[in-house]
Amino acid sequence: MRAGRLEEAQMLAERTLVLAQEHQEWGNKAYALWLFGEIAVHRAPPDVDEAAAHYRQALTLAEELGMRPLQAHCHRGLGMLYAATGQREQARTALATAMEMYQSMDMTFWLPQTEAALAQVEGR
């Protein structure tokens, strides 16, 4: 996906989802759903509705499974999506949640990008 090969990423994510469901690997299913959201965001133009739906599905499953890192990534993805579509309050809430989760888990790699997005939403 990061190399811009979205169709290939889409096919691999679909295969991952099928295998996860066949083998009842719900954690892998949650990550596949998150990946679908990421792919939808990187399309030209971005598919906002599809991305939001996949992030929410992944978040729900990640919450059920206690997958806190994935929950944080879903909140960040939603926050960035909301920011890009002018939904400032939703963006602020989602990005602040992601930052809080990243900090509590000492996942500092994602903090600068998330913090910058939050500052932009807040007009800092």
PDB file of N, CA and C in Angstrom:
ATOM      1  N   MET A   1       0.825  -1.181   0.000  1.00  0.00           N
ATOM      2  CA  MET A   1       0.000   0.000   0.000  1.00  0.00           C
ATOM      3  C   MET A   1       0.872   1.249   0.000  1.00  0.00           C
ATOM      4  N   ARG A   2       1.866   1.281   0.876  1.00  0.00           N
ATOM      5  CA  ARG A   2       2.729   2.461   0.973  1.00  0.00           C
ATOM      6  C   ARG A   2       3.529   2.698  -0.304  1.00  0.00           C
ATOM      7  N   ALA A   3       3.696   1.643  -1.100  1.00  0.00           N
ATOM      8  CA  ALA A   3       4.404   1.777  -2.373  1.00  0.00           C
ATOM      9  C   ALA A   3       3.463   2.229  -3.490  1.00  0.00           C
ATOM     10  N   GLY A   4       2.197   2.482  -3.129  1.00  0.00           N
ATOM     11  CA  GLY A   4       1.233   2.947  -4.110  1.00  0.00           C
ATOM     12  C   GLY A   4       0.561   1.837  -4.900  1.00  0.00           C
ATOM     13  N   ARG A   5       0.762   0.603  -4.507  1.00  0.00           N
ATOM     14  CA  ARG A   5       0.160  -0.532  -5.211  1.00  0.00           C
ATOM     15  C   ARG A   5      -1.129  -0.918  -4.490  1.00  0.00           C
ATOM     16  N   LEU A   6      -2.122  -0.045  -4.622  1.00  0.00           N
ATOM     17  CA  LEU A   6      -3.361  -0.204  -3.861  1.00  0.00           C
ATOM     18  C   LEU A   6      -4.167  -1.421  -4.278  1.00  0.00           C
ATOM     19  N   GLU A   7      -4.175  -1.728  -5.566  1.00  0.00           N
ATOM     20  CA  GLU A   7      -4.954  -2.891  -6.012  1.00  0.00           C
ATOM     21  C   GLU A   7      -4.365  -4.177  -5.431  1.00  0.00           C
ATOM     22  N   GLU A   8      -3.063  -4.270  -5.426  1.00  0.00           N
ATOM     23  CA  GLU A   8      -2.410  -5.447  -4.841  1.00  0.00           C
ATOM     24  C   GLU A   8      -2.676  -5.508  -3.337  1.00  0.00           C
ATOM     25  N   ALA A   9      -2.591  -4.358  -2.679  1.00  0.00           N
ATOM     26  CA  ALA A   9      -2.869  -4.307  -1.242  1.00  0.00           C
ATOM     27  C   ALA A   9      -4.310  -4.717  -0.964  1.00  0.00           C
ATOM     28  N   GLN A  10      -5.229  -4.271  -1.799  1.00  0.00           N
ATOM     29  CA  GLN A  10      -6.638  -4.619  -1.641  1.00  0.00           C
ATOM     30  C   GLN A  10      -6.831  -6.133  -1.763  1.00  0.00           C
ATOM     31  N   MET A  11      -6.204  -6.738  -2.764  1.00  0.00           N
ATOM     32  CA  MET A  11      -6.338  -8.188  -2.956  1.00  0.00           C
ATOM     33  C   MET A  11      -5.762  -8.954  -1.772  1.00  0.00           C
ATOM     34  N   LEU A  12      -4.623  -8.513  -1.268  1.00  0.00           N
ATOM     35  CA  LEU A  12      -4.011  -9.195  -0.126  1.00  0.00           C
ATOM     36  C   LEU A  12      -4.847  -9.022   1.140  1.00  0.00           C
ATOM     37  N   ALA A  13      -5.418  -7.839   1.322  1.00  0.00           N
ATOM     38  CA  ALA A  13      -6.273  -7.607   2.484  1.00  0.00           C
ATOM     39  C   ALA A  13      -7.526  -8.480   2.404  1.00  0.00           C
ATOM     40  N   GLU A  14      -8.081  -8.599   1.206  1.00  0.00           N
ATOM     41  CA  GLU A  14      -9.260  -9.457   1.030  1.00  0.00           C
ATOM     42  C   GLU A  14      -8.926 -10.914   1.357  1.00  0.00           C
ATOM     43  N   ARG A  15      -7.773 -11.368   0.907  1.00  0.00           N
ATOM     44  CA  ARG A  15      -7.345 -12.753   1.191  1.00  0.00           C
ATOM     45  C   ARG A  15      -7.134 -12.934   2.689  1.00  0.00           C
ATOM     46  N   THR A  16      -6.533 -11.937   3.330  1.00  0.00           N
ATOM     47  CA  THR A  16      -6.315 -11.990   4.772  1.00  0.00           C
ATOM     48  C   THR A  16      -7.639 -12.091   5.506  1.00  0.00           C
ATOM     49  N   LEU A  17      -8.614 -11.305   5.081  1.00  0.00           N
ATOM     50  CA  LEU A  17      -9.924 -11.330   5.725  1.00  0.00           C
ATOM     51  C   LEU A  17     -10.587 -12.700   5.574  1.00  0.00           C
ATOM     52  N   VAL A  18     -10.527 -13.267   4.386  1.00  0.00           N
ATOM     53  CA  VAL A  18     -11.128 -14.590   4.149  1.00  0.00           C
ATOM     54  C   VAL A  18     -10.464 -15.635   5.039  1.00  0.00           C
ATOM     55  N   LEU A  19      -9.144 -15.646   5.063  1.00  0.00           N
ATOM     56  CA  LEU A  19      -8.430 -16.627   5.887  1.00  0.00           C
ATOM     57  C   LEU A  19      -8.713 -16.428   7.375  1.00  0.00           C
ATOM     58  N   ALA A  20      -8.762 -15.169   7.798  1.00  0.00           N
ATOM     59  CA  ALA A  20      -9.040 -14.884   9.210  1.00  0.00           C
ATOM     60  C   ALA A  20     -10.417 -15.405   9.605  1.00  0.00           C
ATOM     61  N   GLN A  21     -11.393 -15.215   8.732  1.00  0.00           N
ATOM     62  CA  GLN A  21     -12.732 -15.703   9.039  1.00  0.00           C
ATOM     63  C   GLN A  21     -12.791 -17.230   9.008  1.00  0.00           C
ATOM     64  N   GLU A  22     -12.129 -17.825   8.025  1.00  0.00           N
ATOM     65  CA  GLU A  22     -12.128 -19.290   7.925  1.00  0.00           C
ATOM     66  C   GLU A  22     -11.505 -19.930   9.161  1.00  0.00           C
ATOM     67  N   HIS A  23     -10.459 -19.320   9.687  1.00  0.00           N
ATOM     68  CA  HIS A  23      -9.726 -19.894  10.813  1.00  0.00           C
ATOM     69  C   HIS A  23     -10.086 -19.247  12.155  1.00  0.00           C
ATOM     70  N   GLN A  24     -11.104 -18.415  12.122  1.00  0.00           N
ATOM     71  CA  GLN A  24     -11.590 -17.725  13.321  1.00  0.00           C
ATOM     72  C   GLN A  24     -10.461 -16.977  14.041  1.00  0.00           C
ATOM     73  N   GLU A  25      -9.646 -16.298  13.275  1.00  0.00           N
ATOM     74  CA  GLU A  25      -8.558 -15.471  13.800  1.00  0.00           C
ATOM     75  C   GLU A  25      -9.049 -14.025  13.835  1.00  0.00           C
ATOM     76  N   TRP A  26      -9.751 -13.694  14.906  1.00  0.00           N
ATOM     77  CA  TRP A  26     -10.447 -12.412  14.971  1.00  0.00           C
ATOM     78  C   TRP A  26      -9.487 -11.226  15.043  1.00  0.00           C
ATOM     79  N   GLY A  27      -8.325 -11.411  15.619  1.00  0.00           N
ATOM     80  CA  GLY A  27      -7.327 -10.338  15.641  1.00  0.00           C
ATOM     81  C   GLY A  27      -6.851 -10.000  14.239  1.00  0.00           C
ATOM     82  N   ASN A  28      -6.596 -11.025  13.437  1.00  0.00           N
ATOM     83  CA  ASN A  28      -6.200 -10.788  12.047  1.00  0.00           C
ATOM     84  C   ASN A  28      -7.337 -10.158  11.255  1.00  0.00           C
ATOM     85  N   LYS A  29      -8.552 -10.539  11.581  1.00  0.00           N
ATOM     86  CA  LYS A  29      -9.709  -9.917  10.918  1.00  0.00           C
ATOM     87  C   LYS A  29      -9.760  -8.428  11.252  1.00  0.00           C
ATOM     88  N   ALA A  30      -9.528  -8.088  12.502  1.00  0.00           N
ATOM     89  CA  ALA A  30      -9.538  -6.678  12.902  1.00  0.00           C
ATOM     90  C   ALA A  30      -8.469  -5.891  12.159  1.00  0.00           C
ATOM     91  N   TYR A  31      -7.268  -6.453  12.052  1.00  0.00           N
ATOM     92  CA  TYR A  31      -6.198  -5.760  11.320  1.00  0.00           C
ATOM     93  C   TYR A  31      -6.529  -5.641   9.833  1.00  0.00           C
ATOM     94  N   ALA A  32      -7.155  -6.652   9.252  1.00  0.00           N
ATOM     95  CA  ALA A  32      -7.543  -6.580   7.842  1.00  0.00           C
ATOM     96  C   ALA A  32      -8.567  -5.464   7.631  1.00  0.00           C
ATOM     97  N   LEU A  33      -9.530  -5.344   8.532  1.00  0.00           N
ATOM     98  CA  LEU A  33     -10.531  -4.277   8.418  1.00  0.00           C
ATOM     99  C   LEU A  33      -9.876  -2.901   8.510  1.00  0.00           C
ATOM    100  N   TRP A  34      -8.914  -2.764   9.434  1.00  0.00           N
ATOM    101  CA  TRP A  34      -8.185  -1.500   9.553  1.00  0.00           C
ATOM    102  C   TRP A  34      -7.435  -1.208   8.251  1.00  0.00           C
ATOM    103  N   LEU A  35      -6.827  -2.238   7.673  1.00  0.00           N
ATOM    104  CA  LEU A  35      -6.094  -2.063   6.429  1.00  0.00           C
ATOM    105  C   LEU A  35      -7.020  -1.620   5.299  1.00  0.00           C
ATOM    106  N   PHE A  36      -8.231  -2.159   5.260  1.00  0.00           N
ATOM    107  CA  PHE A  36      -9.209  -1.699   4.268  1.00  0.00           C
ATOM    108  C   PHE A  36      -9.462  -0.200   4.423  1.00  0.00           C
ATOM    109  N   GLY A  37      -9.547   0.271   5.668  1.00  0.00           N
ATOM    110  CA  GLY A  37      -9.714   1.702   5.902  1.00  0.00           C
ATOM    111  C   GLY A  37      -8.534   2.500   5.385  1.00  0.00           C
ATOM    112  N   GLU A  38      -7.333   2.014   5.656  1.00  0.00           N
ATOM    113  CA  GLU A  38      -6.119   2.694   5.185  1.00  0.00           C
ATOM    114  C   GLU A  38      -6.075   2.744   3.656  1.00  0.00           C
ATOM    115  N   ILE A  39      -6.443   1.657   3.018  1.00  0.00           N
ATOM    116  CA  ILE A  39      -6.443   1.609   1.553  1.00  0.00           C
ATOM    117  C   ILE A  39      -7.452   2.601   0.996  1.00  0.00           C
ATOM    118  N   ALA A  40      -8.639   2.648   1.585  1.00  0.00           N
ATOM    119  CA  ALA A  40      -9.679   3.566   1.111  1.00  0.00           C
ATOM    120  C   ALA A  40      -9.238   5.024   1.238  1.00  0.00           C
ATOM    121  N   VAL A  41      -8.497   5.342   2.285  1.00  0.00           N
ATOM    122  CA  VAL A  41      -8.003   6.707   2.490  1.00  0.00           C
ATOM    123  C   VAL A  41      -6.982   7.084   1.422  1.00  0.00           C
ATOM    124  N   HIS A  42      -6.199   6.119   0.974  1.00  0.00           N
ATOM    125  CA  HIS A  42      -5.123   6.402   0.023  1.00  0.00           C
ATOM    126  C   HIS A  42      -5.564   6.344  -1.441  1.00  0.00           C
ATOM    127  N   ARG A  43      -6.829   6.042  -1.683  1.00  0.00           N
ATOM    128  CA  ARG A  43      -7.325   6.052  -3.062  1.00  0.00           C
ATOM    129  C   ARG A  43      -7.386   7.502  -3.570  1.00  0.00           C
ATOM    130  N   ALA A  44      -7.428   7.645  -4.885  1.00  0.00           N
ATOM    131  CA  ALA A  44      -7.556   8.973  -5.475  1.00  0.00           C
ATOM    132  C   ALA A  44      -8.854   9.015  -6.274  1.00  0.00           C
ATOM    133  N   PRO A  45      -9.868   9.706  -5.817  1.00  0.00           N
ATOM    134  CA  PRO A  45      -9.957  10.406  -4.527  1.00  0.00           C
ATOM    135  C   PRO A  45     -10.223   9.420  -3.394  1.00  0.00           C
ATOM    136  N   PRO A  46      -9.961   9.856  -2.170  1.00  0.00           N
ATOM    137  CA  PRO A  46     -10.217   8.974  -1.022  1.00  0.00           C
ATOM    138  C   PRO A  46     -11.694   8.595  -0.929  1.00  0.00           C
ATOM    139  N   ASP A  47     -11.956   7.366  -0.541  1.00  0.00           N
ATOM    140  CA  ASP A  47     -13.328   6.911  -0.332  1.00  0.00           C
ATOM    141  C   ASP A  47     -13.618   7.071   1.162  1.00  0.00           C
ATOM    142  N   VAL A  48     -14.106   8.242   1.522  1.00  0.00           N
ATOM    143  CA  VAL A  48     -14.290   8.629   2.917  1.00  0.00           C
ATOM    144  C   VAL A  48     -15.268   7.718   3.640  1.00  0.00           C
ATOM    145  N   ASP A  49     -16.406   7.443   3.036  1.00  0.00           N
ATOM    146  CA  ASP A  49     -17.420   6.614   3.691  1.00  0.00           C
ATOM    147  C   ASP A  49     -16.917   5.194   3.926  1.00  0.00           C
ATOM    148  N   GLU A  50     -16.252   4.634   2.916  1.00  0.00           N
ATOM    149  CA  GLU A  50     -15.726   3.276   3.055  1.00  0.00           C
ATOM    150  C   GLU A  50     -14.644   3.237   4.132  1.00  0.00           C
ATOM    151  N   ALA A  51     -13.753   4.216   4.124  1.00  0.00           N
ATOM    152  CA  ALA A  51     -12.681   4.259   5.121  1.00  0.00           C
ATOM    153  C   ALA A  51     -13.268   4.334   6.529  1.00  0.00           C
ATOM    154  N   ALA A  52     -14.209   5.237   6.736  1.00  0.00           N
ATOM    155  CA  ALA A  52     -14.810   5.401   8.060  1.00  0.00           C
ATOM    156  C   ALA A  52     -15.492   4.111   8.516  1.00  0.00           C
ATOM    157  N   ALA A  53     -16.216   3.470   7.611  1.00  0.00           N
ATOM    158  CA  ALA A  53     -16.912   2.229   7.972  1.00  0.00           C
ATOM    159  C   ALA A  53     -15.918   1.145   8.377  1.00  0.00           C
ATOM    160  N   HIS A  54     -14.831   1.013   7.633  1.00  0.00           N
ATOM    161  CA  HIS A  54     -13.842  -0.021   7.962  1.00  0.00           C
ATOM    162  C   HIS A  54     -13.112   0.290   9.262  1.00  0.00           C
ATOM    163  N   TYR A  55     -12.750   1.555   9.465  1.00  0.00           N
ATOM    164  CA  TYR A  55     -12.105   1.926  10.733  1.00  0.00           C
ATOM    165  C   TYR A  55     -13.027   1.607  11.915  1.00  0.00           C
ATOM    166  N   ARG A  56     -14.311   1.927  11.774  1.00  0.00           N
ATOM    167  CA  ARG A  56     -15.258   1.673  12.870  1.00  0.00           C
ATOM    168  C   ARG A  56     -15.423   0.175  13.125  1.00  0.00           C
ATOM    169  N   GLN A  57     -15.512  -0.630  12.057  1.00  0.00           N
ATOM    170  CA  GLN A  57     -15.620  -2.078  12.225  1.00  0.00           C
ATOM    171  C   GLN A  57     -14.380  -2.632  12.916  1.00  0.00           C
ATOM    172  N   ALA A  58     -13.213  -2.177  12.474  1.00  0.00           N
ATOM    173  CA  ALA A  58     -11.960  -2.637  13.086  1.00  0.00           C
ATOM    174  C   ALA A  58     -11.897  -2.210  14.543  1.00  0.00           C
ATOM    175  N   LEU A  59     -12.323  -0.986  14.837  1.00  0.00           N
ATOM    176  CA  LEU A  59     -12.310  -0.479  16.205  1.00  0.00           C
ATOM    177  C   LEU A  59     -13.227  -1.300  17.110  1.00  0.00           C
ATOM    178  N   THR A  60     -14.407  -1.600  16.637  1.00  0.00           N
ATOM    179  CA  THR A  60     -15.347  -2.401  17.422  1.00  0.00           C
ATOM    180  C   THR A  60     -14.762  -3.760  17.764  1.00  0.00           C
ATOM    181  N   LEU A  61     -14.194  -4.411  16.765  1.00  0.00           N
ATOM    182  CA  LEU A  61     -13.611  -5.730  16.989  1.00  0.00           C
ATOM    183  C   LEU A  61     -12.374  -5.628  17.889  1.00  0.00           C
ATOM    184  N   ALA A  62     -11.547  -4.618  17.672  1.00  0.00           N
ATOM    185  CA  ALA A  62     -10.351  -4.430  18.504  1.00  0.00           C
ATOM    186  C   ALA A  62     -10.740  -4.184  19.961  1.00  0.00           C
ATOM    187  N   GLU A  63     -11.818  -3.446  20.186  1.00  0.00           N
ATOM    188  CA  GLU A  63     -12.278  -3.213  21.559  1.00  0.00           C
ATOM    189  C   GLU A  63     -12.741  -4.516  22.201  1.00  0.00           C
ATOM    190  N   GLU A  64     -13.488  -5.328  21.442  1.00  0.00           N
ATOM    191  CA  GLU A  64     -13.959  -6.612  21.964  1.00  0.00           C
ATOM    192  C   GLU A  64     -12.796  -7.525  22.337  1.00  0.00           C
ATOM    193  N   LEU A  65     -11.713  -7.434  21.567  1.00  0.00           N
ATOM    194  CA  LEU A  65     -10.564  -8.321  21.761  1.00  0.00           C
ATOM    195  C   LEU A  65      -9.491  -7.731  22.681  1.00  0.00           C
ATOM    196  N   GLY A  66      -9.681  -6.488  23.091  1.00  0.00           N
ATOM    197  CA  GLY A  66      -8.693  -5.853  23.952  1.00  0.00           C
ATOM    198  C   GLY A  66      -7.398  -5.501  23.229  1.00  0.00           C
ATOM    199  N   MET A  67      -7.485  -5.224  21.957  1.00  0.00           N
ATOM    200  CA  MET A  67      -6.310  -4.903  21.139  1.00  0.00           C
ATOM    201  C   MET A  67      -6.070  -3.388  21.160  1.00  0.00           C
ATOM    202  N   ARG A  68      -5.483  -2.909  22.244  1.00  0.00           N
ATOM    203  CA  ARG A  68      -5.330  -1.471  22.449  1.00  0.00           C
ATOM    204  C   ARG A  68      -4.488  -0.782  21.375  1.00  0.00           C
ATOM    205  N   PRO A  69      -3.374  -1.349  20.913  1.00  0.00           N
ATOM    206  CA  PRO A  69      -2.635  -0.669  19.847  1.00  0.00           C
ATOM    207  C   PRO A  69      -3.476  -0.465  18.586  1.00  0.00           C
ATOM    208  N   LEU A  70      -4.233  -1.474  18.207  1.00  0.00           N
ATOM    209  CA  LEU A  70      -5.084  -1.326  17.033  1.00  0.00           C
ATOM    210  C   LEU A  70      -6.199  -0.320  17.292  1.00  0.00           C
ATOM    211  N   GLN A  71      -6.720  -0.293  18.495  1.00  0.00           N
ATOM    212  CA  GLN A  71      -7.732   0.718  18.826  1.00  0.00           C
ATOM    213  C   GLN A  71      -7.160   2.118  18.610  1.00  0.00           C
ATOM    214  N   ALA A  72      -5.943   2.335  19.073  1.00  0.00           N
ATOM    215  CA  ALA A  72      -5.304   3.644  18.909  1.00  0.00           C
ATOM    216  C   ALA A  72      -5.138   3.979  17.428  1.00  0.00           C
ATOM    217  N   HIS A  73      -4.711   3.003  16.632  1.00  0.00           N
ATOM    218  CA  HIS A  73      -4.548   3.241  15.193  1.00  0.00           C
ATOM    219  C   HIS A  73      -5.880   3.575  14.536  1.00  0.00           C
ATOM    220  N   CYS A  74      -6.942   2.909  14.956  1.00  0.00           N
ATOM    221  CA  CYS A  74      -8.271   3.197  14.396  1.00  0.00           C
ATOM    222  C   CYS A  74      -8.713   4.610  14.762  1.00  0.00           C
ATOM    223  N   HIS A  75      -8.496   5.007  16.015  1.00  0.00           N
ATOM    224  CA  HIS A  75      -8.850   6.377  16.417  1.00  0.00           C
ATOM    225  C   HIS A  75      -8.046   7.399  15.613  1.00  0.00           C
ATOM    226  N   ARG A  76      -6.744   7.107  15.408  1.00  0.00           N
ATOM    227  CA  ARG A  76      -5.913   8.022  14.621  1.00  0.00           C
ATOM    228  C   ARG A  76      -6.424   8.097  13.189  1.00  0.00           C
ATOM    229  N   GLY A  77      -6.730   6.951  12.592  1.00  0.00           N
ATOM    230  CA  GLY A  77      -7.247   6.940  11.227  1.00  0.00           C
ATOM    231  C   GLY A  77      -8.543   7.720  11.098  1.00  0.00           C
ATOM    232  N   LEU A  78      -9.452   7.498  12.041  1.00  0.00           N
ATOM    233  CA  LEU A  78     -10.711   8.251  12.026  1.00  0.00           C
ATOM    234  C   LEU A  78     -10.462   9.740  12.228  1.00  0.00           C
ATOM    235  N   GLY A  79      -9.573  10.072  13.148  1.00  0.00           N
ATOM    236  CA  GLY A  79      -9.269  11.474  13.404  1.00  0.00           C
ATOM    237  C   GLY A  79      -8.700  12.177  12.188  1.00  0.00           C
ATOM    238  N   MET A  80      -7.777  11.523  11.505  1.00  0.00           N
ATOM    239  CA  MET A  80      -7.187  12.103  10.293  1.00  0.00           C
ATOM    240  C   MET A  80      -8.255  12.248   9.206  1.00  0.00           C
ATOM    241  N   LEU A  81      -9.124  11.263   9.110  1.00  0.00           N
ATOM    242  CA  LEU A  81     -10.203  11.299   8.130  1.00  0.00           C
ATOM    243  C   LEU A  81     -11.169  12.440   8.438  1.00  0.00           C
ATOM    244  N   TYR A  82     -11.572  12.556   9.697  1.00  0.00           N
ATOM    245  CA  TYR A  82     -12.467  13.643  10.091  1.00  0.00           C
ATOM    246  C   TYR A  82     -11.815  15.008   9.847  1.00  0.00           C
ATOM    247  N   ALA A  83     -10.536  15.122  10.141  1.00  0.00           N
ATOM    248  CA  ALA A  83      -9.833  16.385   9.924  1.00  0.00           C
ATOM    249  C   ALA A  83      -9.832  16.749   8.437  1.00  0.00           C
ATOM    250  N   ALA A  84      -9.597  15.773   7.591  1.00  0.00           N
ATOM    251  CA  ALA A  84      -9.550  16.014   6.147  1.00  0.00           C
ATOM    252  C   ALA A  84     -10.906  16.394   5.573  1.00  0.00           C
ATOM    253  N   THR A  85     -11.976  16.006   6.264  1.00  0.00           N
ATOM    254  CA  THR A  85     -13.327  16.296   5.764  1.00  0.00           C
ATOM    255  C   THR A  85     -13.997  17.438   6.521  1.00  0.00           C
ATOM    256  N   GLY A  86     -13.226  18.144   7.349  1.00  0.00           N
ATOM    257  CA  GLY A  86     -13.740  19.318   8.035  1.00  0.00           C
ATOM    258  C   GLY A  86     -14.604  19.047   9.250  1.00  0.00           C
ATOM    259  N   GLN A  87     -14.590  17.829   9.761  1.00  0.00           N
ATOM    260  CA  GLN A  87     -15.381  17.488  10.948  1.00  0.00           C
ATOM    261  C   GLN A  87     -14.485  17.690  12.173  1.00  0.00           C
ATOM    262  N   ARG A  88     -14.302  18.940  12.540  1.00  0.00           N
ATOM    263  CA  ARG A  88     -13.291  19.306  13.532  1.00  0.00           C
ATOM    264  C   ARG A  88     -13.522  18.702  14.909  1.00  0.00           C
ATOM    265  N   GLU A  89     -14.739  18.721  15.401  1.00  0.00           N
ATOM    266  CA  GLU A  89     -14.989  18.197  16.750  1.00  0.00           C
ATOM    267  C   GLU A  89     -14.745  16.689  16.813  1.00  0.00           C
ATOM    268  N   GLN A  90     -15.233  15.964  15.804  1.00  0.00           N
ATOM    269  CA  GLN A  90     -14.995  14.526  15.761  1.00  0.00           C
ATOM    270  C   GLN A  90     -13.503  14.239  15.618  1.00  0.00           C
ATOM    271  N   ALA A  91     -12.810  15.038  14.801  1.00  0.00           N
ATOM    272  CA  ALA A  91     -11.367  14.870  14.616  1.00  0.00           C
ATOM    273  C   ALA A  91     -10.639  15.094  15.931  1.00  0.00           C
ATOM    274  N   ARG A  92     -11.007  16.151  16.627  1.00  0.00           N
ATOM    275  CA  ARG A  92     -10.366  16.476  17.910  1.00  0.00           C
ATOM    276  C   ARG A  92     -10.541  15.317  18.905  1.00  0.00           C
ATOM    277  N   THR A  93     -11.736  14.802  19.005  1.00  0.00           N
ATOM    278  CA  THR A  93     -12.015  13.711  19.939  1.00  0.00           C
ATOM    279  C   THR A  93     -11.224  12.456  19.582  1.00  0.00           C
ATOM    280  N   ALA A  94     -11.257  12.063  18.314  1.00  0.00           N
ATOM    281  CA  ALA A  94     -10.580  10.843  17.887  1.00  0.00           C
ATOM    282  C   ALA A  94      -9.065  10.969  18.023  1.00  0.00           C
ATOM    283  N   LEU A  95      -8.509  12.114  17.629  1.00  0.00           N
ATOM    284  CA  LEU A  95      -7.058  12.298  17.706  1.00  0.00           C
ATOM    285  C   LEU A  95      -6.582  12.375  19.158  1.00  0.00           C
ATOM    286  N   ALA A  96      -7.356  13.041  20.006  1.00  0.00           N
ATOM    287  CA  ALA A  96      -6.987  13.107  21.427  1.00  0.00           C
ATOM    288  C   ALA A  96      -7.021  11.722  22.061  1.00  0.00           C
ATOM    289  N   THR A  97      -8.003  10.927  21.682  1.00  0.00           N
ATOM    290  CA  THR A  97      -8.089   9.557  22.189  1.00  0.00           C
ATOM    291  C   THR A  97      -6.882   8.746  21.729  1.00  0.00           C
ATOM    292  N   ALA A  98      -6.540   8.866  20.452  1.00  0.00           N
ATOM    293  CA  ALA A  98      -5.377   8.143  19.927  1.00  0.00           C
ATOM    294  C   ALA A  98      -4.112   8.559  20.666  1.00  0.00           C
ATOM    295  N   MET A  99      -3.925   9.865  20.869  1.00  0.00           N
ATOM    296  CA  MET A  99      -2.726  10.343  21.569  1.00  0.00           C
ATOM    297  C   MET A  99      -2.655   9.801  22.987  1.00  0.00           C
ATOM    298  N   GLU A 100      -3.775   9.844  23.675  1.00  0.00           N
ATOM    299  CA  GLU A 100      -3.822   9.335  25.050  1.00  0.00           C
ATOM    300  C   GLU A 100      -3.458   7.849  25.091  1.00  0.00           C
ATOM    301  N   MET A 101      -3.994   7.103  24.151  1.00  0.00           N
ATOM    302  CA  MET A 101      -3.705   5.669  24.111  1.00  0.00           C
ATOM    303  C   MET A 101      -2.238   5.411  23.765  1.00  0.00           C
ATOM    304  N   TYR A 102      -1.724   6.115  22.758  1.00  0.00           N
ATOM    305  CA  TYR A 102      -0.316   5.943  22.393  1.00  0.00           C
ATOM    306  C   TYR A 102       0.597   6.266  23.578  1.00  0.00           C
ATOM    307  N   GLN A 103       0.291   7.350  24.280  1.00  0.00           N
ATOM    308  CA  GLN A 103       1.115   7.740  25.428  1.00  0.00           C
ATOM    309  C   GLN A 103       1.048   6.703  26.538  1.00  0.00           C
ATOM    310  N   SER A 104      -0.142   6.199  26.815  1.00  0.00           N
ATOM    311  CA  SER A 104      -0.294   5.239  27.906  1.00  0.00           C
ATOM    312  C   SER A 104       0.404   3.914  27.608  1.00  0.00           C
ATOM    313  N   MET A 105       0.585   3.607  26.314  1.00  0.00           N
ATOM    314  CA  MET A 105       1.259   2.366  25.934  1.00  0.00           C
ATOM    315  C   MET A 105       2.719   2.612  25.553  1.00  0.00           C
ATOM    316  N   ASP A 106       3.167   3.859  25.699  1.00  0.00           N
ATOM    317  CA  ASP A 106       4.529   4.248  25.342  1.00  0.00           C
ATOM    318  C   ASP A 106       4.830   3.945  23.873  1.00  0.00           C
ATOM    319  N   MET A 107       3.835   4.189  23.020  1.00  0.00           N
ATOM    320  CA  MET A 107       3.979   4.005  21.574  1.00  0.00           C
ATOM    321  C   MET A 107       4.285   5.366  20.946  1.00  0.00           C
ATOM    322  N   THR A 108       5.498   5.820  21.124  1.00  0.00           N
ATOM    323  CA  THR A 108       5.863   7.194  20.777  1.00  0.00           C
ATOM    324  C   THR A 108       6.058   7.433  19.284  1.00  0.00           C
ATOM    325  N   PHE A 109       6.215   6.403  18.495  1.00  0.00           N
ATOM    326  CA  PHE A 109       6.452   6.567  17.066  1.00  0.00           C
ATOM    327  C   PHE A 109       5.334   7.369  16.397  1.00  0.00           C
ATOM    328  N   TRP A 110       4.091   7.106  16.783  1.00  0.00           N
ATOM    329  CA  TRP A 110       2.942   7.737  16.126  1.00  0.00           C
ATOM    330  C   TRP A 110       2.552   9.071  16.760  1.00  0.00           C
ATOM    331  N   LEU A 111       3.162   9.437  17.855  1.00  0.00           N
ATOM    332  CA  LEU A 111       2.774  10.669  18.549  1.00  0.00           C
ATOM    333  C   LEU A 111       3.010  11.946  17.740  1.00  0.00           C
ATOM    334  N   PRO A 112       4.169  12.163  17.124  1.00  0.00           N
ATOM    335  CA  PRO A 112       4.375  13.434  16.422  1.00  0.00           C
ATOM    336  C   PRO A 112       3.345  13.711  15.332  1.00  0.00           C
ATOM    337  N   GLN A 113       3.048  12.721  14.509  1.00  0.00           N
ATOM    338  CA  GLN A 113       2.071  12.908  13.436  1.00  0.00           C
ATOM    339  C   GLN A 113       0.680  13.171  14.013  1.00  0.00           C
ATOM    340  N   THR A 114       0.316  12.423  15.029  1.00  0.00           N
ATOM    341  CA  THR A 114      -1.001  12.576  15.644  1.00  0.00           C
ATOM    342  C   THR A 114      -1.108  13.924  16.343  1.00  0.00           C
ATOM    343  N   GLU A 115      -0.052  14.306  17.043  1.00  0.00           N
ATOM    344  CA  GLU A 115      -0.020  15.591  17.738  1.00  0.00           C
ATOM    345  C   GLU A 115      -0.104  16.751  16.754  1.00  0.00           C
ATOM    346  N   ALA A 116       0.597  16.651  15.626  1.00  0.00           N
ATOM    347  CA  ALA A 116       0.552  17.703  14.607  1.00  0.00           C
ATOM    348  C   ALA A 116      -0.848  17.821  14.010  1.00  0.00           C
ATOM    349  N   ALA A 117      -1.485  16.700  13.759  1.00  0.00           N
ATOM    350  CA  ALA A 117      -2.844  16.725  13.215  1.00  0.00           C
ATOM    351  C   ALA A 117      -3.810  17.357  14.212  1.00  0.00           C
ATOM    352  N   LEU A 118      -3.655  17.017  15.481  1.00  0.00           N
ATOM    353  CA  LEU A 118      -4.517  17.584  16.512  1.00  0.00           C
ATOM    354  C   LEU A 118      -4.294  19.094  16.630  1.00  0.00           C
ATOM    355  N   ALA A 119      -3.051  19.520  16.587  1.00  0.00           N
ATOM    356  CA  ALA A 119      -2.741  20.955  16.676  1.00  0.00           C
ATOM    357  C   ALA A 119      -3.358  21.698  15.500  1.00  0.00           C
ATOM    358  N   GLN A 120      -3.323  21.110  14.321  1.00  0.00           N
ATOM    359  CA  GLN A 120      -3.898  21.749  13.139  1.00  0.00           C
ATOM    360  C   GLN A 120      -5.410  21.863  13.278  1.00  0.00           C
ATOM    361  N   VAL A 121      -6.053  20.820  13.798  1.00  0.00           N
ATOM    362  CA  VAL A 121      -7.500  20.826  14.002  1.00  0.00           C
ATOM    363  C   VAL A 121      -7.884  21.909  15.010  1.00  0.00           C
ATOM    364  N   GLU A 122      -7.055  22.039  16.043  1.00  0.00           N
ATOM    365  CA  GLU A 122      -7.337  23.014  17.101  1.00  0.00           C
ATOM    366  C   GLU A 122      -6.882  24.427  16.732  1.00  0.00           C
ATOM    367  N   GLY A 123      -6.256  24.574  15.582  1.00  0.00           N
ATOM    368  CA  GLY A 123      -5.828  25.898  15.114  1.00  0.00           C
ATOM    369  C   GLY A 123      -4.599  26.422  15.828  1.00  0.00           C
ATOM    370  N   ARG A 124      -3.781  25.514  16.346  1.00  0.00           N
ATOM    371  CA  ARG A 124      -2.556  25.943  17.033  1.00  0.00           C
ATOM    372  C   ARG A 124      -1.436  26.136  16.058  1.00  0.00           C
TER     373      ARG A 124
END
